[in-house]
Amino acid sequence: MNGAHYHLVLNHLPIIIPIVALLVLIGGFFVKSEIVKRAAYCIFILGAIAAFAAIATGEGAEDLVKQIDGISKSLIHEHEEKAEVFALLSYILGITSILALWSNWKKKSYANYIGYAIIAYCLVVLYFAQQTGTTGGEIRHSEIR
């Protein structure tokens, strides 16, 4: 396996994991289950770790893909810029989820407000996830350009 292969294995996780976590968190509020909410926060944390892994493998993929004829360096650069913003937002989501997990565990009065804020913030993160995924796909998939 090479750097591009590692990146391809990991790059979908930071996009999919927050979607799953968002659905679980909404479900936790719907069924009024604190354990389900805590599970969602843990899934968000896992998403932030996956974002770190995807970013860490991006340079190796870039080095290999730049050598392929017909690959646009500007598309790679655009994807890299979008990915850096998405990763930063994912890290913030993960850190906020740690705070939410702690406040929920300690039964703080503001725990649900943090959960609602995470739902709203996650929608922003998912917008950037979509941008990152699309720009990454455009590098090799001319049919989506």
N, C-alpha and C. Protein backbone atom coordinates (compact mmCIF):
# COMPACT_ATOMS: atom_id res chain seq x y z
N MET A 1 0.85 -1.19 0.00
CA MET A 1 0.00 0.00 0.00
C MET A 1 0.89 1.25 0.00
N ASN A 2 0.39 2.27 -0.68
CA ASN A 2 1.14 3.52 -0.74
C ASN A 2 0.32 4.64 -0.08
N GLY A 3 0.89 5.86 -0.10
CA GLY A 3 0.23 7.00 0.54
C GLY A 3 -1.15 7.31 0.00
N ALA A 4 -1.32 7.16 -1.29
CA ALA A 4 -2.63 7.43 -1.89
C ALA A 4 -3.65 6.38 -1.43
N HIS A 5 -3.19 5.15 -1.32
CA HIS A 5 -4.10 4.09 -0.88
C HIS A 5 -4.55 4.33 0.57
N TYR A 6 -3.62 4.67 1.44
CA TYR A 6 -3.98 4.98 2.83
C TYR A 6 -5.00 6.11 2.90
N HIS A 7 -4.75 7.14 2.10
CA HIS A 7 -5.66 8.29 2.09
C HIS A 7 -7.05 7.88 1.61
N LEU A 8 -7.10 7.08 0.56
CA LEU A 8 -8.40 6.62 0.04
C LEU A 8 -9.15 5.74 1.04
N VAL A 9 -8.41 4.96 1.81
CA VAL A 9 -9.05 4.12 2.82
C VAL A 9 -9.67 4.99 3.92
N LEU A 10 -8.99 6.07 4.29
CA LEU A 10 -9.40 6.88 5.44
C LEU A 10 -10.27 8.09 5.11
N ASN A 11 -10.19 8.62 3.90
CA ASN A 11 -10.77 9.94 3.64
C ASN A 11 -12.28 10.02 3.73
N HIS A 12 -12.98 8.91 3.63
CA HIS A 12 -14.44 8.97 3.73
C HIS A 12 -14.92 8.99 5.18
N LEU A 13 -14.11 8.49 6.08
CA LEU A 13 -14.52 8.40 7.48
C LEU A 13 -14.86 9.74 8.12
N PRO A 14 -14.04 10.79 7.93
CA PRO A 14 -14.38 12.06 8.57
C PRO A 14 -15.66 12.70 8.03
N ILE A 15 -16.13 12.22 6.89
CA ILE A 15 -17.39 12.72 6.32
C ILE A 15 -18.56 11.88 6.83
N ILE A 16 -18.39 10.58 6.84
CA ILE A 16 -19.48 9.68 7.23
C ILE A 16 -19.72 9.68 8.74
N ILE A 17 -18.66 9.67 9.51
CA ILE A 17 -18.80 9.56 10.97
C ILE A 17 -19.64 10.69 11.56
N PRO A 18 -19.42 11.97 11.20
CA PRO A 18 -20.29 13.01 11.77
C PRO A 18 -21.76 12.88 11.35
N ILE A 19 -22.01 12.35 10.18
CA ILE A 19 -23.41 12.12 9.77
C ILE A 19 -24.06 11.11 10.71
N VAL A 20 -23.35 10.02 10.96
CA VAL A 20 -23.86 9.00 11.87
C VAL A 20 -24.06 9.59 13.26
N ALA A 21 -23.06 10.32 13.74
CA ALA A 21 -23.15 10.90 15.08
C ALA A 21 -24.31 11.88 15.19
N LEU A 22 -24.51 12.67 14.15
CA LEU A 22 -25.63 13.63 14.15
C LEU A 22 -26.96 12.90 14.27
N LEU A 23 -27.12 11.84 13.50
CA LEU A 23 -28.36 11.07 13.57
C LEU A 23 -28.55 10.42 14.95
N VAL A 24 -27.47 9.93 15.52
CA VAL A 24 -27.54 9.32 16.85
C VAL A 24 -27.89 10.39 17.89
N LEU A 25 -27.27 11.57 17.79
CA LEU A 25 -27.55 12.64 18.75
C LEU A 25 -29.00 13.11 18.65
N ILE A 26 -29.48 13.30 17.45
CA ILE A 26 -30.89 13.69 17.27
C ILE A 26 -31.79 12.60 17.84
N GLY A 27 -31.44 11.36 17.60
CA GLY A 27 -32.20 10.24 18.17
C GLY A 27 -32.17 10.26 19.69
N GLY A 28 -31.03 10.61 20.26
CA GLY A 28 -30.91 10.70 21.71
C GLY A 28 -31.82 11.75 22.31
N PHE A 29 -31.93 12.88 21.63
CA PHE A 29 -32.85 13.92 22.09
C PHE A 29 -34.30 13.48 21.89
N PHE A 30 -34.55 12.80 20.78
CA PHE A 30 -35.92 12.38 20.47
C PHE A 30 -36.44 11.37 21.50
N VAL A 31 -35.60 10.38 21.83
CA VAL A 31 -36.03 9.34 22.79
C VAL A 31 -35.66 9.69 24.23
N LYS A 32 -35.04 10.86 24.42
CA LYS A 32 -34.65 11.35 25.75
C LYS A 32 -33.75 10.35 26.48
N SER A 33 -32.71 9.92 25.78
CA SER A 33 -31.76 8.97 26.33
C SER A 33 -30.38 9.61 26.47
N GLU A 34 -29.94 9.75 27.69
CA GLU A 34 -28.63 10.34 27.94
C GLU A 34 -27.51 9.43 27.43
N ILE A 35 -27.68 8.13 27.52
CA ILE A 35 -26.66 7.20 27.07
C ILE A 35 -26.51 7.27 25.54
N VAL A 36 -27.58 7.47 24.83
CA VAL A 36 -27.51 7.61 23.37
C VAL A 36 -26.80 8.91 23.02
N LYS A 37 -27.09 9.98 23.75
CA LYS A 37 -26.39 11.25 23.51
C LYS A 37 -24.90 11.09 23.75
N ARG A 38 -24.54 10.41 24.83
CA ARG A 38 -23.12 10.19 25.14
C ARG A 38 -22.45 9.37 24.03
N ALA A 39 -23.17 8.39 23.53
CA ALA A 39 -22.62 7.60 22.41
C ALA A 39 -22.37 8.50 21.21
N ALA A 40 -23.29 9.41 20.93
CA ALA A 40 -23.11 10.34 19.81
C ALA A 40 -21.88 11.21 20.00
N TYR A 41 -21.68 11.71 21.22
CA TYR A 41 -20.50 12.53 21.48
C TYR A 41 -19.22 11.74 21.26
N CYS A 42 -19.22 10.48 21.66
CA CYS A 42 -18.06 9.63 21.42
C CYS A 42 -17.83 9.40 19.93
N ILE A 43 -18.89 9.29 19.18
CA ILE A 43 -18.77 9.12 17.73
C ILE A 43 -18.20 10.39 17.10
N PHE A 44 -18.64 11.56 17.57
CA PHE A 44 -18.07 12.83 17.08
C PHE A 44 -16.57 12.88 17.35
N ILE A 45 -16.16 12.44 18.53
CA ILE A 45 -14.74 12.42 18.88
C ILE A 45 -13.99 11.50 17.93
N LEU A 46 -14.56 10.35 17.64
CA LEU A 46 -13.97 9.43 16.67
C LEU A 46 -13.84 10.10 15.30
N GLY A 47 -14.83 10.90 14.92
CA GLY A 47 -14.76 11.63 13.64
C GLY A 47 -13.60 12.60 13.60
N ALA A 48 -13.32 13.27 14.72
CA ALA A 48 -12.19 14.20 14.76
C ALA A 48 -10.87 13.44 14.61
N ILE A 49 -10.78 12.28 15.23
CA ILE A 49 -9.58 11.45 15.09
C ILE A 49 -9.43 10.99 13.64
N ALA A 50 -10.53 10.63 13.01
CA ALA A 50 -10.50 10.21 11.61
C ALA A 50 -10.07 11.37 10.71
N ALA A 51 -10.50 12.59 11.04
CA ALA A 51 -10.08 13.77 10.26
C ALA A 51 -8.56 13.95 10.36
N PHE A 52 -8.03 13.75 11.55
CA PHE A 52 -6.58 13.85 11.74
C PHE A 52 -5.87 12.82 10.86
N ALA A 53 -6.38 11.59 10.86
CA ALA A 53 -5.75 10.53 10.06
C ALA A 53 -5.83 10.85 8.57
N ALA A 54 -6.96 11.36 8.12
CA ALA A 54 -7.10 11.69 6.69
C ALA A 54 -6.14 12.80 6.29
N ILE A 55 -6.02 13.82 7.14
CA ILE A 55 -5.08 14.91 6.84
C ILE A 55 -3.65 14.39 6.83
N ALA A 56 -3.33 13.51 7.78
CA ALA A 56 -1.97 12.98 7.89
C ALA A 56 -1.57 12.18 6.66
N THR A 57 -2.52 11.56 6.00
CA THR A 57 -2.21 10.76 4.81
C THR A 57 -2.33 11.54 3.51
N GLY A 58 -2.81 12.77 3.60
CA GLY A 58 -3.03 13.58 2.40
C GLY A 58 -1.77 13.93 1.64
N GLU A 59 -0.69 14.24 2.36
CA GLU A 59 0.55 14.62 1.68
C GLU A 59 1.12 13.46 0.85
N GLY A 60 1.06 12.25 1.42
CA GLY A 60 1.54 11.08 0.68
C GLY A 60 0.74 10.85 -0.58
N ALA A 61 -0.57 11.05 -0.48
CA ALA A 61 -1.42 10.90 -1.66
C ALA A 61 -1.10 11.97 -2.68
N GLU A 62 -0.91 13.19 -2.21
CA GLU A 62 -0.59 14.30 -3.12
C GLU A 62 0.69 14.02 -3.89
N ASP A 63 1.71 13.55 -3.19
CA ASP A 63 2.99 13.29 -3.86
C ASP A 63 2.84 12.28 -4.99
N LEU A 64 2.03 11.26 -4.80
CA LEU A 64 1.84 10.25 -5.84
C LEU A 64 0.94 10.73 -6.96
N VAL A 65 -0.15 11.41 -6.61
CA VAL A 65 -1.12 11.81 -7.62
C VAL A 65 -0.57 12.91 -8.53
N LYS A 66 0.29 13.77 -8.01
CA LYS A 66 0.89 14.82 -8.84
C LYS A 66 1.71 14.26 -9.99
N GLN A 67 2.16 13.03 -9.86
CA GLN A 67 2.98 12.41 -10.91
C GLN A 67 2.15 11.83 -12.04
N ILE A 68 0.85 11.76 -11.87
CA ILE A 68 -0.03 11.17 -12.90
C ILE A 68 -0.34 12.23 -13.95
N ASP A 69 -0.20 11.86 -15.21
CA ASP A 69 -0.50 12.78 -16.31
C ASP A 69 -1.97 13.17 -16.28
N GLY A 70 -2.23 14.42 -16.55
CA GLY A 70 -3.60 14.91 -16.65
C GLY A 70 -4.22 15.32 -15.32
N ILE A 71 -3.47 15.26 -14.25
CA ILE A 71 -3.99 15.66 -12.94
C ILE A 71 -3.67 17.14 -12.73
N SER A 72 -4.68 17.88 -12.37
CA SER A 72 -4.54 19.33 -12.19
C SER A 72 -4.01 19.64 -10.79
N LYS A 73 -2.89 20.33 -10.75
CA LYS A 73 -2.33 20.74 -9.46
C LYS A 73 -3.23 21.76 -8.77
N SER A 74 -3.97 22.53 -9.54
CA SER A 74 -4.88 23.51 -8.93
C SER A 74 -6.04 22.81 -8.22
N LEU A 75 -6.52 21.68 -8.78
CA LEU A 75 -7.57 20.92 -8.11
C LEU A 75 -7.05 20.31 -6.81
N ILE A 76 -5.82 19.84 -6.83
CA ILE A 76 -5.21 19.29 -5.62
C ILE A 76 -5.09 20.38 -4.56
N HIS A 77 -4.63 21.54 -4.98
CA HIS A 77 -4.47 22.65 -4.03
C HIS A 77 -5.82 23.08 -3.45
N GLU A 78 -6.83 23.17 -4.29
CA GLU A 78 -8.16 23.54 -3.80
C GLU A 78 -8.67 22.52 -2.78
N HIS A 79 -8.48 21.24 -3.09
CA HIS A 79 -8.91 20.18 -2.16
C HIS A 79 -8.15 20.28 -0.84
N GLU A 80 -6.86 20.54 -0.92
CA GLU A 80 -6.05 20.65 0.28
C GLU A 80 -6.52 21.81 1.17
N GLU A 81 -6.84 22.94 0.54
CA GLU A 81 -7.33 24.10 1.30
C GLU A 81 -8.66 23.79 1.98
N LYS A 82 -9.57 23.18 1.25
CA LYS A 82 -10.88 22.82 1.82
C LYS A 82 -10.71 21.80 2.94
N ALA A 83 -9.82 20.84 2.74
CA ALA A 83 -9.59 19.79 3.74
C ALA A 83 -9.03 20.37 5.04
N GLU A 84 -8.16 21.36 4.93
CA GLU A 84 -7.59 21.96 6.14
C GLU A 84 -8.67 22.66 6.96
N VAL A 85 -9.57 23.36 6.30
CA VAL A 85 -10.67 24.03 7.01
C VAL A 85 -11.59 22.98 7.63
N PHE A 86 -11.95 21.97 6.85
CA PHE A 86 -12.82 20.91 7.35
C PHE A 86 -12.20 20.20 8.55
N ALA A 87 -10.91 19.92 8.47
CA ALA A 87 -10.24 19.23 9.57
C ALA A 87 -10.26 20.10 10.83
N LEU A 88 -9.97 21.37 10.69
CA LEU A 88 -10.00 22.27 11.85
C LEU A 88 -11.39 22.30 12.48
N LEU A 89 -12.41 22.41 11.65
CA LEU A 89 -13.79 22.41 12.17
C LEU A 89 -14.12 21.07 12.82
N SER A 90 -13.61 19.98 12.28
CA SER A 90 -13.83 18.66 12.87
C SER A 90 -13.15 18.53 14.23
N TYR A 91 -11.95 19.10 14.34
CA TYR A 91 -11.25 19.07 15.63
C TYR A 91 -12.05 19.84 16.68
N ILE A 92 -12.58 20.99 16.27
CA ILE A 92 -13.39 21.79 17.20
C ILE A 92 -14.64 21.01 17.60
N LEU A 93 -15.25 20.32 16.65
CA LEU A 93 -16.42 19.49 16.95
C LEU A 93 -16.05 18.39 17.94
N GLY A 94 -14.91 17.78 17.77
CA GLY A 94 -14.45 16.73 18.68
C GLY A 94 -14.20 17.26 20.08
N ILE A 95 -13.54 18.41 20.17
CA ILE A 95 -13.25 19.01 21.47
C ILE A 95 -14.55 19.43 22.16
N THR A 96 -15.45 20.02 21.40
CA THR A 96 -16.75 20.41 21.95
C THR A 96 -17.52 19.19 22.41
N SER A 97 -17.38 18.09 21.71
CA SER A 97 -18.05 16.85 22.10
C SER A 97 -17.48 16.29 23.40
N ILE A 98 -16.19 16.49 23.62
CA ILE A 98 -15.61 16.10 24.91
C ILE A 98 -16.26 16.91 26.04
N LEU A 99 -16.41 18.21 25.81
CA LEU A 99 -17.09 19.07 26.79
C LEU A 99 -18.54 18.63 26.99
N ALA A 100 -19.22 18.31 25.90
CA ALA A 100 -20.62 17.87 25.99
C ALA A 100 -20.72 16.54 26.73
N LEU A 101 -19.80 15.63 26.45
CA LEU A 101 -19.79 14.34 27.13
C LEU A 101 -19.60 14.53 28.64
N TRP A 102 -18.65 15.38 29.00
CA TRP A 102 -18.39 15.66 30.42
C TRP A 102 -19.62 16.30 31.08
N SER A 103 -20.20 17.30 30.43
CA SER A 103 -21.35 17.99 31.03
C SER A 103 -22.56 17.07 31.15
N ASN A 104 -22.73 16.19 30.19
CA ASN A 104 -23.81 15.22 30.26
C ASN A 104 -23.56 14.22 31.38
N TRP A 105 -22.33 13.74 31.46
CA TRP A 105 -21.95 12.77 32.49
C TRP A 105 -22.15 13.35 33.89
N LYS A 106 -21.79 14.63 34.07
CA LYS A 106 -21.91 15.30 35.37
C LYS A 106 -23.30 15.90 35.59
N LYS A 107 -24.18 15.69 34.63
CA LYS A 107 -25.57 16.17 34.71
C LYS A 107 -25.66 17.67 34.97
N LYS A 108 -24.87 18.41 34.22
CA LYS A 108 -24.89 19.87 34.32
C LYS A 108 -26.18 20.40 33.70
N SER A 109 -26.64 21.52 34.22
CA SER A 109 -27.90 22.10 33.76
C SER A 109 -27.84 22.55 32.30
N TYR A 110 -26.65 22.86 31.82
CA TYR A 110 -26.49 23.36 30.46
C TYR A 110 -26.14 22.27 29.45
N ALA A 111 -26.14 21.02 29.86
CA ALA A 111 -25.70 19.92 29.00
C ALA A 111 -26.53 19.84 27.72
N ASN A 112 -27.83 20.00 27.81
CA ASN A 112 -28.67 19.92 26.60
C ASN A 112 -28.41 21.08 25.66
N TYR A 113 -28.10 22.25 26.20
CA TYR A 113 -27.80 23.40 25.33
C TYR A 113 -26.55 23.15 24.50
N ILE A 114 -25.56 22.52 25.12
CA ILE A 114 -24.35 22.17 24.37
C ILE A 114 -24.71 21.17 23.27
N GLY A 115 -25.58 20.22 23.58
CA GLY A 115 -26.01 19.25 22.58
C GLY A 115 -26.71 19.90 21.40
N TYR A 116 -27.59 20.85 21.69
CA TYR A 116 -28.27 21.56 20.60
C TYR A 116 -27.27 22.37 19.76
N ALA A 117 -26.30 22.98 20.44
CA ALA A 117 -25.28 23.75 19.73
C ALA A 117 -24.45 22.83 18.83
N ILE A 118 -24.16 21.63 19.32
CA ILE A 118 -23.40 20.68 18.52
C ILE A 118 -24.19 20.26 17.29
N ILE A 119 -25.49 20.08 17.43
CA ILE A 119 -26.31 19.73 16.26
C ILE A 119 -26.20 20.83 15.20
N ALA A 120 -26.34 22.08 15.62
CA ALA A 120 -26.25 23.20 14.67
C ALA A 120 -24.85 23.29 14.07
N TYR A 121 -23.84 23.18 14.91
CA TYR A 121 -22.46 23.29 14.44
C TYR A 121 -22.12 22.14 13.49
N CYS A 122 -22.64 20.96 13.78
CA CYS A 122 -22.38 19.81 12.92
C CYS A 122 -22.88 20.05 11.51
N LEU A 123 -23.98 20.74 11.36
CA LEU A 123 -24.49 21.04 10.03
C LEU A 123 -23.50 21.91 9.25
N VAL A 124 -22.86 22.84 9.94
CA VAL A 124 -21.81 23.66 9.32
C VAL A 124 -20.63 22.78 8.91
N VAL A 125 -20.21 21.91 9.83
CA VAL A 125 -19.10 21.01 9.54
C VAL A 125 -19.41 20.13 8.34
N LEU A 126 -20.64 19.65 8.27
CA LEU A 126 -21.02 18.78 7.14
C LEU A 126 -21.04 19.54 5.82
N TYR A 127 -21.33 20.82 5.85
CA TYR A 127 -21.24 21.62 4.63
C TYR A 127 -19.79 21.60 4.12
N PHE A 128 -18.85 21.82 5.03
CA PHE A 128 -17.44 21.80 4.64
C PHE A 128 -16.97 20.40 4.29
N ALA A 129 -17.58 19.39 4.89
CA ALA A 129 -17.28 18.01 4.53
C ALA A 129 -17.66 17.76 3.07
N GLN A 130 -18.83 18.24 2.70
CA GLN A 130 -19.29 18.08 1.32
C GLN A 130 -18.35 18.79 0.36
N GLN A 131 -17.93 19.99 0.70
CA GLN A 131 -17.01 20.75 -0.15
C GLN A 131 -15.68 20.00 -0.30
N THR A 132 -15.19 19.47 0.80
CA THR A 132 -13.92 18.74 0.77
C THR A 132 -14.05 17.46 -0.05
N GLY A 133 -15.12 16.73 0.15
CA GLY A 133 -15.32 15.49 -0.60
C GLY A 133 -15.46 15.74 -2.09
N THR A 134 -16.19 16.78 -2.44
CA THR A 134 -16.38 17.09 -3.86
C THR A 134 -15.06 17.49 -4.51
N THR A 135 -14.31 18.36 -3.86
CA THR A 135 -13.04 18.79 -4.46
C THR A 135 -12.05 17.64 -4.54
N GLY A 136 -12.10 16.71 -3.58
CA GLY A 136 -11.24 15.54 -3.65
C GLY A 136 -11.64 14.62 -4.80
N GLY A 137 -12.92 14.43 -4.97
CA GLY A 137 -13.40 13.59 -6.06
C GLY A 137 -13.08 14.16 -7.43
N GLU A 138 -13.10 15.48 -7.53
CA GLU A 138 -12.83 16.13 -8.82
C GLU A 138 -11.40 15.89 -9.30
N ILE A 139 -10.50 15.57 -8.39
CA ILE A 139 -9.11 15.36 -8.79
C ILE A 139 -8.99 14.19 -9.78
N ARG A 140 -9.68 13.10 -9.51
CA ARG A 140 -9.57 11.91 -10.36
C ARG A 140 -10.83 11.60 -11.14
N HIS A 141 -11.94 12.20 -10.78
CA HIS A 141 -13.21 11.87 -11.42
C HIS A 141 -13.71 13.06 -12.25
N SER A 142 -13.30 13.09 -13.48
CA SER A 142 -13.68 14.20 -14.35
C SER A 142 -15.19 14.25 -14.59
N GLU A 143 -15.87 13.13 -14.38
CA GLU A 143 -17.32 13.10 -14.63
C GLU A 143 -18.11 13.92 -13.63
N ILE A 144 -17.50 14.32 -12.49
CA ILE A 144 -18.23 15.16 -11.52
C ILE A 144 -17.81 16.62 -11.57
N ARG A 145 -16.88 16.96 -12.44
CA ARG A 145 -16.45 18.36 -12.55
C ARG A 145 -17.49 19.18 -13.24
